[in-house]
C-alpha cells in the first residue's frame, strides 16, 4: 500500500527533483528567448501576433459547439469547403505570386524563376506528405491512417491530425510577414479558422468525445499557428534568399492539405455541391481581402 508519506518521498527523490528543475529551467529559458526574439525582430513579432489572432479565431469558432447538439453534415461540409477556398486563394495570391515576383527579380531568365517556384511548391507538398506518413494521426471520417499505431488513443490521433492541419497555415503566416505582405493572408486564415474550429469541435463530439474535450482540443489546436508563424518568420527574415522558397513551400504544404485532407472529407458524405459552393465563396472572399489589403 502506497501511503501519502511514501508518495511524498518518491516525488522528492533527488534524481526526480533534478529532472523537474531542469525541465522548469528549460521552459523558462525558452520563454525568455521568445520574449527577446519578439522584442528584437519586428516582423517576427507581427507574425506572432497574427498567429495568435488566428488561434483566437479558432477558439471563438469552437464556442457555438457548447450549445449546438446536432448540425447537419451538409452545413459542416459547406464550412469545410469554405475553408478550403480561403486556403486555396491564399496559396495563390498571398504566397505563390509574391514568390514568382521575387524569383523573377533574382533571375534574368523567366523559366528558371518559374521552375524554382514550382520546385519549392513540390518540396513543400512533399514535406507534408512525409510528415503525414510518419506521424500517426486519424481522419475524422476515414479513421486511422496506420495499422501500426493501435497503442495510441484515438483522441490523441485526432489531436495530431488537427495540429498537422494547422502547421502549414502557421508557416504561411510567418512566410508572408517575412515578405512584408502578411495582413491579407492572416485575415483570411483567421476568418476561415472560425468555421474550422466549429467543424473540429463538432466532429469530435460526433465521434463520441465529450463536449469539454472537443472544445479544449479545438482551442489548443490553434496554438500551432503562432508557434509555426514564429518559425517561418524567423527563418525567412534572417535569410532573404530563402524567402521566395519559403513562400512557395508554404503554398505547396497548404495545397497538399487542401487536396489530401479537406476536399475529400467535405465530399465523402455526398454533399459535393454544397462543399464546392463553399469553396468558391471562400476563394472569392480571400481574393477580395487580398485585393483590398
C-alpha atoms as a PDB file:
ATOM      1  CA  UNK A   1       0.000   0.000   0.000  1.00  0.00           C
ATOM      2  CA  UNK A   2       1.362   3.420  -1.008  1.00  0.00           C
ATOM      3  CA  UNK A   3       0.847   5.971   1.756  1.00  0.00           C
ATOM      4  CA  UNK A   4       0.898   9.730   1.429  1.00  0.00           C
ATOM      5  CA  UNK A   5       4.300   9.788   3.120  1.00  0.00           C
ATOM      6  CA  UNK A   6       5.825   7.268   0.710  1.00  0.00           C
ATOM      7  CA  UNK A   7       4.344   9.115  -2.262  1.00  0.00           C
ATOM      8  CA  UNK A   8       5.840  12.342  -0.926  1.00  0.00           C
ATOM      9  CA  UNK A   9       9.251  10.675  -0.635  1.00  0.00           C
ATOM     10  CA  UNK A  10       9.080   9.275  -4.177  1.00  0.00           C
ATOM     11  CA  UNK A  11       8.101  12.662  -5.580  1.00  0.00           C
ATOM     12  CA  UNK A  12      11.032  14.391  -3.874  1.00  0.00           C
ATOM     13  CA  UNK A  13      13.754  11.899  -4.736  1.00  0.00           C
ATOM     14  CA  UNK A  14      16.930  13.831  -5.703  1.00  0.00           C
ATOM     15  CA  UNK A  15      17.010  12.460  -9.256  1.00  0.00           C
ATOM     16  CA  UNK A  16      13.378  13.340  -9.934  1.00  0.00           C
ATOM     17  CA  UNK A  17      13.773  16.737  -8.335  1.00  0.00           C
ATOM     18  CA  UNK A  18      16.800  17.427 -10.543  1.00  0.00           C
ATOM     19  CA  UNK A  19      14.852  16.401 -13.636  1.00  0.00           C
ATOM     20  CA  UNK A  20      11.961  18.654 -12.649  1.00  0.00           C
ATOM     21  CA  UNK A  21      14.288  21.601 -12.046  1.00  0.00           C
ATOM     22  CA  UNK A  22      15.981  21.049 -15.431  1.00  0.00           C
ATOM     23  CA  UNK A  23      12.574  20.992 -17.111  1.00  0.00           C
ATOM     24  CA  UNK A  24      11.482  24.203 -15.382  1.00  0.00           C
ATOM     25  CA  UNK A  25      14.780  25.887 -16.277  1.00  0.00           C
ATOM     26  CA  UNK A  26      14.437  24.788 -19.903  1.00  0.00           C
ATOM     27  CA  UNK A  27      10.906  26.170 -20.176  1.00  0.00           C
ATOM     28  CA  UNK A  28      11.955  29.435 -18.523  1.00  0.00           C
ATOM     29  CA  UNK A  29      14.902  29.784 -20.920  1.00  0.00           C
ATOM     30  CA  UNK A  30      12.643  29.104 -23.890  1.00  0.00           C
ATOM     31  CA  UNK A  31      10.149  31.751 -22.763  1.00  0.00           C
ATOM     32  CA  UNK A  32      12.976  34.238 -22.186  1.00  0.00           C
ATOM     33  CA  UNK A  33      14.447  33.616 -25.643  1.00  0.00           C
ATOM     34  CA  UNK A  34      10.981  34.015 -27.173  1.00  0.00           C
ATOM     35  CA  UNK A  35      10.469  37.362 -25.423  1.00  0.00           C
ATOM     36  CA  UNK A  36      13.877  38.594 -26.607  1.00  0.00           C
ATOM     37  CA  UNK A  37      13.171  37.415 -30.144  1.00  0.00           C
ATOM     38  CA  UNK A  38       9.823  39.207 -30.256  1.00  0.00           C
ATOM     39  CA  UNK A  39      11.375  42.393 -28.902  1.00  0.00           C
ATOM     40  CA  UNK A  40      14.281  42.469 -31.354  1.00  0.00           C
ATOM     41  CA  UNK A  41      12.608  41.214 -34.546  1.00  0.00           C
ATOM     42  CA  UNK A  42       9.644  43.343 -35.572  1.00  0.00           C
ATOM     43  CA  UNK A  43       8.461  41.113 -38.421  1.00  0.00           C
ATOM     44  CA  UNK A  44       8.600  38.048 -36.191  1.00  0.00           C
ATOM     45  CA  UNK A  45       6.571  39.912 -33.570  1.00  0.00           C
ATOM     46  CA  UNK A  46       3.900  40.830 -36.122  1.00  0.00           C
ATOM     47  CA  UNK A  47       3.820  37.240 -37.393  1.00  0.00           C
ATOM     48  CA  UNK A  48       3.351  36.005 -33.827  1.00  0.00           C
ATOM     49  CA  UNK A  49       0.511  38.470 -33.245  1.00  0.00           C
ATOM     50  CA  UNK A  50      -1.155  37.354 -36.484  1.00  0.00           C
ATOM     51  CA  UNK A  51      -0.764  33.717 -35.482  1.00  0.00           C
ATOM     52  CA  UNK A  52      -2.350  34.469 -32.117  1.00  0.00           C
ATOM     53  CA  UNK A  53      -5.269  36.194 -33.850  1.00  0.00           C
ATOM     54  CA  UNK A  54      -5.760  33.034 -35.901  1.00  0.00           C
ATOM     55  CA  UNK A  55      -5.566  30.926 -32.735  1.00  0.00           C
ATOM     56  CA  UNK A  56      -8.160  33.136 -31.023  1.00  0.00           C
ATOM     57  CA  UNK A  57     -10.394  32.857 -34.106  1.00  0.00           C
ATOM     58  CA  UNK A  58     -10.161  29.070 -33.862  1.00  0.00           C
ATOM     59  CA  UNK A  59     -11.076  29.245 -30.180  1.00  0.00           C
ATOM     60  CA  UNK A  60     -14.058  31.515 -30.894  1.00  0.00           C
ATOM     61  CA  UNK A  61     -15.217  29.108 -33.566  1.00  0.00           C
ATOM     62  CA  UNK A  62     -15.437  26.272 -31.048  1.00  0.00           C
ATOM     63  CA  UNK A  63     -17.736  28.198 -28.689  1.00  0.00           C
ATOM     64  CA  UNK A  64     -21.016  27.533 -30.571  1.00  0.00           C
ATOM     65  CA  UNK A  65     -20.328  23.830 -30.025  1.00  0.00           C
ATOM     66  CA  UNK A  66     -21.150  24.401 -26.346  1.00  0.00           C
ATOM     67  CA  UNK A  67     -24.821  24.840 -27.234  1.00  0.00           C
ATOM     68  CA  UNK A  68     -25.102  23.036 -30.565  1.00  0.00           C
ATOM     69  CA  UNK A  69     -26.349  19.481 -30.115  1.00  0.00           C
ATOM     70  CA  UNK A  70     -26.562  18.460 -33.745  1.00  0.00           C
ATOM     71  CA  UNK A  71     -25.675  20.111 -37.023  1.00  0.00           C
ATOM     72  CA  UNK A  72     -26.275  18.708 -40.468  1.00  0.00           C
ATOM     73  CA  UNK A  73     -23.440  17.153 -42.419  1.00  0.00           C
ATOM     74  CA  UNK A  74     -24.365  19.440 -45.291  1.00  0.00           C
ATOM     75  CA  UNK A  75     -23.514  22.543 -43.262  1.00  0.00           C
ATOM     76  CA  UNK A  76     -20.299  21.025 -41.940  1.00  0.00           C
ATOM     77  CA  UNK A  77     -19.188  20.095 -45.454  1.00  0.00           C
ATOM     78  CA  UNK A  78     -20.060  23.581 -46.700  1.00  0.00           C
ATOM     79  CA  UNK A  79     -17.923  25.111 -43.942  1.00  0.00           C
ATOM     80  CA  UNK A  80     -15.049  22.806 -44.779  1.00  0.00           C
ATOM     81  CA  UNK A  81     -15.354  23.779 -48.435  1.00  0.00           C
ATOM     82  CA  UNK A  82     -15.298  27.452 -47.439  1.00  0.00           C
ATOM     83  CA  UNK A  83     -12.065  26.924 -45.519  1.00  0.00           C
ATOM     84  CA  UNK A  84     -10.543  25.104 -48.485  1.00  0.00           C
ATOM     85  CA  UNK A  85     -11.434  28.016 -50.759  1.00  0.00           C
ATOM     86  CA  UNK A  86      -9.785  30.547 -48.458  1.00  0.00           C
ATOM     87  CA  UNK A  87      -6.634  28.442 -48.221  1.00  0.00           C
ATOM     88  CA  UNK A  88      -6.544  27.898 -51.983  1.00  0.00           C
ATOM     89  CA  UNK A  89      -6.790  31.620 -52.757  1.00  0.00           C
ATOM     90  CA  UNK A  90      -4.254  32.433 -50.034  1.00  0.00           C
ATOM     91  CA  UNK A  91      -1.839  29.924 -51.538  1.00  0.00           C
ATOM     92  CA  UNK A  92      -2.076  31.561 -54.950  1.00  0.00           C
ATOM     93  CA  UNK A  93      -2.388  35.287 -54.266  1.00  0.00           C
ATOM     94  CA  UNK A  94      -0.509  35.677 -50.975  1.00  0.00           C
ATOM     95  CA  UNK A  95       2.226  33.080 -51.406  1.00  0.00           C
ATOM     96  CA  UNK A  96       2.842  31.841 -54.955  1.00  0.00           C
ATOM     97  CA  UNK A  97       2.505  35.149 -56.810  1.00  0.00           C
ATOM     98  CA  UNK A  98       4.821  37.057 -54.427  1.00  0.00           C
ATOM     99  CA  UNK A  99       7.284  34.171 -54.711  1.00  0.00           C
ATOM    100  CA  UNK A 100       7.177  34.411 -58.511  1.00  0.00           C
ATOM    101  CA  UNK A 101       7.836  38.159 -58.347  1.00  0.00           C
ATOM    102  CA  UNK A 102      10.831  37.765 -56.025  1.00  0.00           C
ATOM    103  CA  UNK A 103      12.258  34.891 -58.056  1.00  0.00           C
ATOM    104  CA  UNK A 104      11.876  36.954 -61.236  1.00  0.00           C
ATOM    105  CA  UNK A 105      13.840  39.808 -59.646  1.00  0.00           C
ATOM    106  CA  UNK A 106      16.614  37.429 -58.639  1.00  0.00           C
ATOM    107  CA  UNK A 107      16.894  35.753 -62.037  1.00  0.00           C
ATOM    108  CA  UNK A 108      17.026  37.211 -65.544  1.00  0.00           C
ATOM    109  CA  UNK A 109      15.704  34.003 -67.111  1.00  0.00           C
ATOM    110  CA  UNK A 110      11.930  33.598 -66.706  1.00  0.00           C
ATOM    111  CA  UNK A 111      11.799  29.830 -66.958  1.00  0.00           C
ATOM    112  CA  UNK A 112      14.432  29.453 -64.238  1.00  0.00           C
ATOM    113  CA  UNK A 113      12.415  31.657 -61.879  1.00  0.00           C
ATOM    114  CA  UNK A 114       9.174  29.789 -62.570  1.00  0.00           C
ATOM    115  CA  UNK A 115      10.974  26.462 -62.290  1.00  0.00           C
ATOM    116  CA  UNK A 116      12.346  27.384 -58.882  1.00  0.00           C
ATOM    117  CA  UNK A 117       8.873  28.343 -57.671  1.00  0.00           C
ATOM    118  CA  UNK A 118       7.488  25.073 -58.994  1.00  0.00           C
ATOM    119  CA  UNK A 119      10.249  23.125 -57.255  1.00  0.00           C
ATOM    120  CA  UNK A 120       9.594  24.925 -53.970  1.00  0.00           C
ATOM    121  CA  UNK A 121       5.880  24.111 -54.215  1.00  0.00           C
ATOM    122  CA  UNK A 122       6.708  20.450 -54.812  1.00  0.00           C
ATOM    123  CA  UNK A 123       9.142  20.397 -51.881  1.00  0.00           C
ATOM    124  CA  UNK A 124       6.541  21.927 -49.556  1.00  0.00           C
ATOM    125  CA  UNK A 125       3.949  19.370 -50.615  1.00  0.00           C
ATOM    126  CA  UNK A 126       6.460  16.523 -50.287  1.00  0.00           C
ATOM    127  CA  UNK A 127       7.382  17.661 -46.778  1.00  0.00           C
ATOM    128  CA  UNK A 128       3.745  17.500 -45.704  1.00  0.00           C
ATOM    129  CA  UNK A 129       3.414  14.136 -47.420  1.00  0.00           C
ATOM    130  CA  UNK A 130       6.356  12.741 -45.461  1.00  0.00           C
ATOM    131  CA  UNK A 131       5.035  14.162 -42.180  1.00  0.00           C
ATOM    132  CA  UNK A 132       1.590  12.776 -42.965  1.00  0.00           C
ATOM    133  CA  UNK A 133       3.086   9.321 -43.460  1.00  0.00           C
ATOM    134  CA  UNK A 134       5.437   9.341 -40.474  1.00  0.00           C
ATOM    135  CA  UNK A 135       3.241  10.946 -37.812  1.00  0.00           C
ATOM    136  CA  UNK A 136       0.330   8.765 -36.668  1.00  0.00           C
ATOM    137  CA  UNK A 137      -2.981  10.577 -36.945  1.00  0.00           C
ATOM    138  CA  UNK A 138      -6.629   9.906 -37.597  1.00  0.00           C
ATOM    139  CA  UNK A 139      -9.060  11.470 -40.043  1.00  0.00           C
ATOM    140  CA  UNK A 140     -12.498  12.402 -38.801  1.00  0.00           C
ATOM    141  CA  UNK A 141     -14.254  10.109 -41.279  1.00  0.00           C
ATOM    142  CA  UNK A 142     -11.672   7.800 -42.818  1.00  0.00           C
ATOM    143  CA  UNK A 143     -10.273   6.699 -39.490  1.00  0.00           C
ATOM    144  CA  UNK A 144      -6.767   5.611 -38.525  1.00  0.00           C
ATOM    145  CA  UNK A 145      -4.089   6.197 -41.164  1.00  0.00           C
ATOM    146  CA  UNK A 146      -1.905   3.352 -39.935  1.00  0.00           C
ATOM    147  CA  UNK A 147      -2.460  -0.116 -38.519  1.00  0.00           C
ATOM    148  CA  UNK A 148       0.778   0.080 -36.533  1.00  0.00           C
ATOM    149  CA  UNK A 149      -0.399   2.753 -34.106  1.00  0.00           C
ATOM    150  CA  UNK A 150      -3.137   0.899 -32.240  1.00  0.00           C
ATOM    151  CA  UNK A 151      -1.478   1.639 -28.899  1.00  0.00           C
ATOM    152  CA  UNK A 152      -2.173   5.341 -29.254  1.00  0.00           C
ATOM    153  CA  UNK A 153      -5.527   6.502 -28.008  1.00  0.00           C
ATOM    154  CA  UNK A 154      -7.864   7.689 -30.730  1.00  0.00           C
ATOM    155  CA  UNK A 155      -8.244  11.038 -29.013  1.00  0.00           C
ATOM    156  CA  UNK A 156      -4.543  11.791 -29.420  1.00  0.00           C
ATOM    157  CA  UNK A 157      -4.675  10.673 -33.042  1.00  0.00           C
ATOM    158  CA  UNK A 158      -7.356  13.287 -33.603  1.00  0.00           C
ATOM    159  CA  UNK A 159      -5.254  15.909 -31.836  1.00  0.00           C
ATOM    160  CA  UNK A 160      -2.245  15.122 -34.034  1.00  0.00           C
ATOM    161  CA  UNK A 161      -4.393  15.351 -37.152  1.00  0.00           C
ATOM    162  CA  UNK A 162      -5.626  18.811 -36.177  1.00  0.00           C
ATOM    163  CA  UNK A 163      -2.138  20.060 -35.317  1.00  0.00           C
ATOM    164  CA  UNK A 164      -0.769  18.742 -38.629  1.00  0.00           C
ATOM    165  CA  UNK A 165      -3.538  20.586 -40.428  1.00  0.00           C
ATOM    166  CA  UNK A 166      -2.556  23.881 -38.758  1.00  0.00           C
ATOM    167  CA  UNK A 167       1.190  23.601 -39.401  1.00  0.00           C
ATOM    168  CA  UNK A 168       1.174  24.939 -42.988  1.00  0.00           C
ATOM    169  CA  UNK A 169      -1.194  27.774 -42.054  1.00  0.00           C
ATOM    170  CA  UNK A 170       1.205  28.994 -39.367  1.00  0.00           C
ATOM    171  CA  UNK A 171       4.184  28.678 -41.697  1.00  0.00           C
ATOM    172  CA  UNK A 172       2.282  30.597 -44.373  1.00  0.00           C
ATOM    173  CA  UNK A 173       1.587  33.441 -41.934  1.00  0.00           C
ATOM    174  CA  UNK A 174       5.252  33.622 -40.954  1.00  0.00           C
ATOM    175  CA  UNK A 175       6.430  33.500 -44.570  1.00  0.00           C
ATOM    176  CA  UNK A 176       4.021  36.190 -45.702  1.00  0.00           C
ATOM    177  CA  UNK A 177       5.070  38.559 -42.909  1.00  0.00           C
ATOM    178  CA  UNK A 178       8.717  37.948 -43.738  1.00  0.00           C
ATOM    179  CA  UNK A 179       7.800  39.129 -47.243  1.00  0.00           C
ATOM    180  CA  UNK A 180       6.094  42.216 -45.784  1.00  0.00           C
ATOM    181  CA  UNK A 181       2.663  41.231 -47.124  1.00  0.00           C
ATOM    182  CA  UNK A 182       1.065  39.302 -44.303  1.00  0.00           C
ATOM    183  CA  UNK A 183      -2.096  41.212 -43.396  1.00  0.00           C
ATOM    184  CA  UNK A 184      -4.388  39.830 -46.102  1.00  0.00           C
ATOM    185  CA  UNK A 185      -3.312  36.231 -45.638  1.00  0.00           C
ATOM    186  CA  UNK A 186      -3.519  36.461 -41.841  1.00  0.00           C
ATOM    187  CA  UNK A 187      -7.018  37.949 -42.067  1.00  0.00           C
ATOM    188  CA  UNK A 188      -8.158  35.243 -44.460  1.00  0.00           C
ATOM    189  CA  UNK A 189      -6.779  32.427 -42.335  1.00  0.00           C
ATOM    190  CA  UNK A 190      -8.328  33.911 -39.185  1.00  0.00           C
ATOM    191  CA  UNK A 191     -11.720  34.097 -40.915  1.00  0.00           C
ATOM    192  CA  UNK A 192     -11.565  30.515 -42.129  1.00  0.00           C
ATOM    193  CA  UNK A 193     -10.302  29.338 -38.721  1.00  0.00           C
ATOM    194  CA  UNK A 194     -13.625  30.253 -37.106  1.00  0.00           C
ATOM    195  CA  UNK A 195     -15.748  27.733 -39.042  1.00  0.00           C
ATOM    196  CA  UNK A 196     -12.805  25.336 -38.903  1.00  0.00           C
ATOM    197  CA  UNK A 197     -12.782  25.455 -35.104  1.00  0.00           C
ATOM    198  CA  UNK A 198     -16.511  24.751 -35.070  1.00  0.00           C
ATOM    199  CA  UNK A 199     -16.127  21.840 -37.511  1.00  0.00           C
ATOM    200  CA  UNK A 200     -13.306  20.343 -35.433  1.00  0.00           C
ATOM    201  CA  UNK A 201     -15.305  20.542 -32.201  1.00  0.00           C
ATOM    202  CA  UNK A 202     -18.491  19.136 -33.744  1.00  0.00           C
ATOM    203  CA  UNK A 203     -16.594  16.340 -35.495  1.00  0.00           C
ATOM    204  CA  UNK A 204     -15.003  15.276 -32.216  1.00  0.00           C
ATOM    205  CA  UNK A 205     -18.388  15.374 -30.460  1.00  0.00           C
ATOM    206  CA  UNK A 206     -19.923  13.310 -33.264  1.00  0.00           C
ATOM    207  CA  UNK A 207     -17.068  10.808 -32.895  1.00  0.00           C
ATOM    208  CA  UNK A 208     -18.105  10.216 -29.288  1.00  0.00           C
ATOM    209  CA  UNK A 209     -15.840  12.546 -27.325  1.00  0.00           C
ATOM    210  CA  UNK A 210     -17.131  14.741 -24.539  1.00  0.00           C
ATOM    211  CA  UNK A 211     -18.104  18.307 -25.317  1.00  0.00           C
ATOM    212  CA  UNK A 212     -15.470  19.660 -22.929  1.00  0.00           C
ATOM    213  CA  UNK A 213     -12.725  17.566 -24.532  1.00  0.00           C
ATOM    214  CA  UNK A 214     -13.786  18.532 -28.058  1.00  0.00           C
ATOM    215  CA  UNK A 215     -13.805  22.260 -27.299  1.00  0.00           C
ATOM    216  CA  UNK A 216     -10.499  22.084 -25.406  1.00  0.00           C
ATOM    217  CA  UNK A 217      -8.807  20.301 -28.317  1.00  0.00           C
ATOM    218  CA  UNK A 218     -10.247  22.808 -30.773  1.00  0.00           C
ATOM    219  CA  UNK A 219      -8.949  25.724 -28.721  1.00  0.00           C
ATOM    220  CA  UNK A 220      -5.478  24.275 -28.129  1.00  0.00           C
ATOM    221  CA  UNK A 221      -5.062  23.181 -31.754  1.00  0.00           C
ATOM    222  CA  UNK A 222      -4.966  26.821 -32.831  1.00  0.00           C
ATOM    223  CA  UNK A 223      -1.766  27.382 -30.815  1.00  0.00           C
ATOM    224  CA  UNK A 224       0.172  25.532 -33.516  1.00  0.00           C
ATOM    225  CA  UNK A 225      -0.299  28.546 -35.772  1.00  0.00           C
ATOM    226  CA  UNK A 226       1.551  31.237 -33.734  1.00  0.00           C
ATOM    227  CA  UNK A 227       4.301  28.716 -32.991  1.00  0.00           C
ATOM    228  CA  UNK A 228       4.834  27.900 -36.659  1.00  0.00           C
ATOM    229  CA  UNK A 229       4.415  31.565 -37.606  1.00  0.00           C
ATOM    230  CA  UNK A 230       7.408  32.377 -35.398  1.00  0.00           C
ATOM    231  CA  UNK A 231       9.424  29.580 -37.015  1.00  0.00           C
ATOM    232  CA  UNK A 232       8.570  30.695 -40.542  1.00  0.00           C
ATOM    233  CA  UNK A 233       9.166  34.396 -39.940  1.00  0.00           C
ATOM    234  CA  UNK A 234      12.416  33.844 -38.037  1.00  0.00           C
ATOM    235  CA  UNK A 235      13.980  31.610 -40.681  1.00  0.00           C
ATOM    236  CA  UNK A 236      12.920  33.643 -43.697  1.00  0.00           C
ATOM    237  CA  UNK A 237      13.506  37.093 -42.219  1.00  0.00           C
ATOM    238  CA  UNK A 238      17.070  36.104 -41.351  1.00  0.00           C
ATOM    239  CA  UNK A 239      17.840  34.878 -44.884  1.00  0.00           C
ATOM    240  CA  UNK A 240      16.224  36.852 -47.696  1.00  0.00           C
ATOM    241  CA  UNK A 241      17.457  34.315 -50.240  1.00  0.00           C
ATOM    242  CA  UNK A 242      15.198  31.687 -48.689  1.00  0.00           C
ATOM    243  CA  UNK A 243      12.148  33.964 -48.709  1.00  0.00           C
ATOM    244  CA  UNK A 244      10.677  33.044 -52.137  1.00  0.00           C
ATOM    245  CA  UNK A 245      11.402  29.379 -51.453  1.00  0.00           C
ATOM    246  CA  UNK A 246       9.628  29.628 -48.099  1.00  0.00           C
ATOM    247  CA  UNK A 247       6.613  31.369 -49.612  1.00  0.00           C
ATOM    248  CA  UNK A 248       6.187  28.784 -52.359  1.00  0.00           C
ATOM    249  CA  UNK A 249       6.979  25.921 -49.975  1.00  0.00           C
ATOM    250  CA  UNK A 250       4.261  27.061 -47.573  1.00  0.00           C
ATOM    251  CA  UNK A 251       1.874  27.236 -50.530  1.00  0.00           C
ATOM    252  CA  UNK A 252       2.757  23.678 -51.503  1.00  0.00           C
ATOM    253  CA  UNK A 253       2.104  22.478 -47.967  1.00  0.00           C
ATOM    254  CA  UNK A 254      -1.289  24.209 -47.937  1.00  0.00           C
ATOM    255  CA  UNK A 255      -2.195  22.780 -51.355  1.00  0.00           C
ATOM    256  CA  UNK A 256      -1.405  19.297 -50.062  1.00  0.00           C
ATOM    257  CA  UNK A 257      -3.682  19.764 -47.055  1.00  0.00           C
ATOM    258  CA  UNK A 258      -6.478  21.136 -49.252  1.00  0.00           C
ATOM    259  CA  UNK A 259      -6.385  18.242 -51.700  1.00  0.00           C
ATOM    260  CA  UNK A 260      -5.463  15.422 -49.327  1.00  0.00           C
ATOM    261  CA  UNK A 261      -7.496  16.357 -46.277  1.00  0.00           C
ATOM    262  CA  UNK A 262     -10.190  18.988 -46.636  1.00  0.00           C
ATOM    263  CA  UNK A 263     -11.767  18.328 -50.046  1.00  0.00           C
ATOM    264  CA  UNK A 264     -12.000  14.527 -49.628  1.00  0.00           C
ATOM    265  CA  UNK A 265     -13.541  14.943 -46.179  1.00  0.00           C
ATOM    266  CA  UNK A 266     -16.066  17.512 -47.411  1.00  0.00           C
ATOM    267  CA  UNK A 267     -17.097  15.296 -50.360  1.00  0.00           C
ATOM    268  CA  UNK A 268     -17.273  11.970 -48.571  1.00  0.00           C
ATOM    269  CA  UNK A 269     -20.917  12.179 -47.493  1.00  0.00           C
ATOM    270  CA  UNK A 270     -22.397  13.141 -50.835  1.00  0.00           C
ATOM    271  CA  UNK A 271     -22.575  16.920 -50.366  1.00  0.00           C
ATOM    272  CA  UNK A 272     -20.169  17.828 -53.154  1.00  0.00           C
ATOM    273  CA  UNK A 273     -22.450  20.568 -54.495  1.00  0.00           C
ATOM    274  CA  UNK A 274     -22.571  22.454 -51.184  1.00  0.00           C
ATOM    275  CA  UNK A 275     -18.883  21.887 -50.424  1.00  0.00           C
ATOM    276  CA  UNK A 276     -17.959  23.212 -53.877  1.00  0.00           C
ATOM    277  CA  UNK A 277     -20.142  26.294 -53.424  1.00  0.00           C
ATOM    278  CA  UNK A 278     -18.464  26.884 -50.067  1.00  0.00           C
ATOM    279  CA  UNK A 279     -15.054  26.580 -51.715  1.00  0.00           C
ATOM    280  CA  UNK A 280     -15.934  29.131 -54.394  1.00  0.00           C
ATOM    281  CA  UNK A 281     -17.286  31.586 -51.803  1.00  0.00           C
ATOM    282  CA  UNK A 282     -14.167  31.213 -49.686  1.00  0.00           C
ATOM    283  CA  UNK A 283     -11.937  31.688 -52.719  1.00  0.00           C
ATOM    284  CA  UNK A 284     -13.760  34.867 -53.790  1.00  0.00           C
ATOM    285  CA  UNK A 285     -13.745  36.289 -50.259  1.00  0.00           C
ATOM    286  CA  UNK A 286      -9.989  35.732 -49.934  1.00  0.00           C
ATOM    287  CA  UNK A 287      -9.429  37.287 -53.369  1.00  0.00           C
ATOM    288  CA  UNK A 288     -11.303  40.412 -52.249  1.00  0.00           C
ATOM    289  CA  UNK A 289      -9.372  40.548 -48.979  1.00  0.00           C
ATOM    290  CA  UNK A 290      -6.067  40.249 -50.779  1.00  0.00           C
ATOM    291  CA  UNK A 291      -7.017  42.965 -53.224  1.00  0.00           C
ATOM    292  CA  UNK A 292      -8.365  45.311 -50.531  1.00  0.00           C
ATOM    293  CA  UNK A 293      -5.466  44.879 -48.100  1.00  0.00           C
END
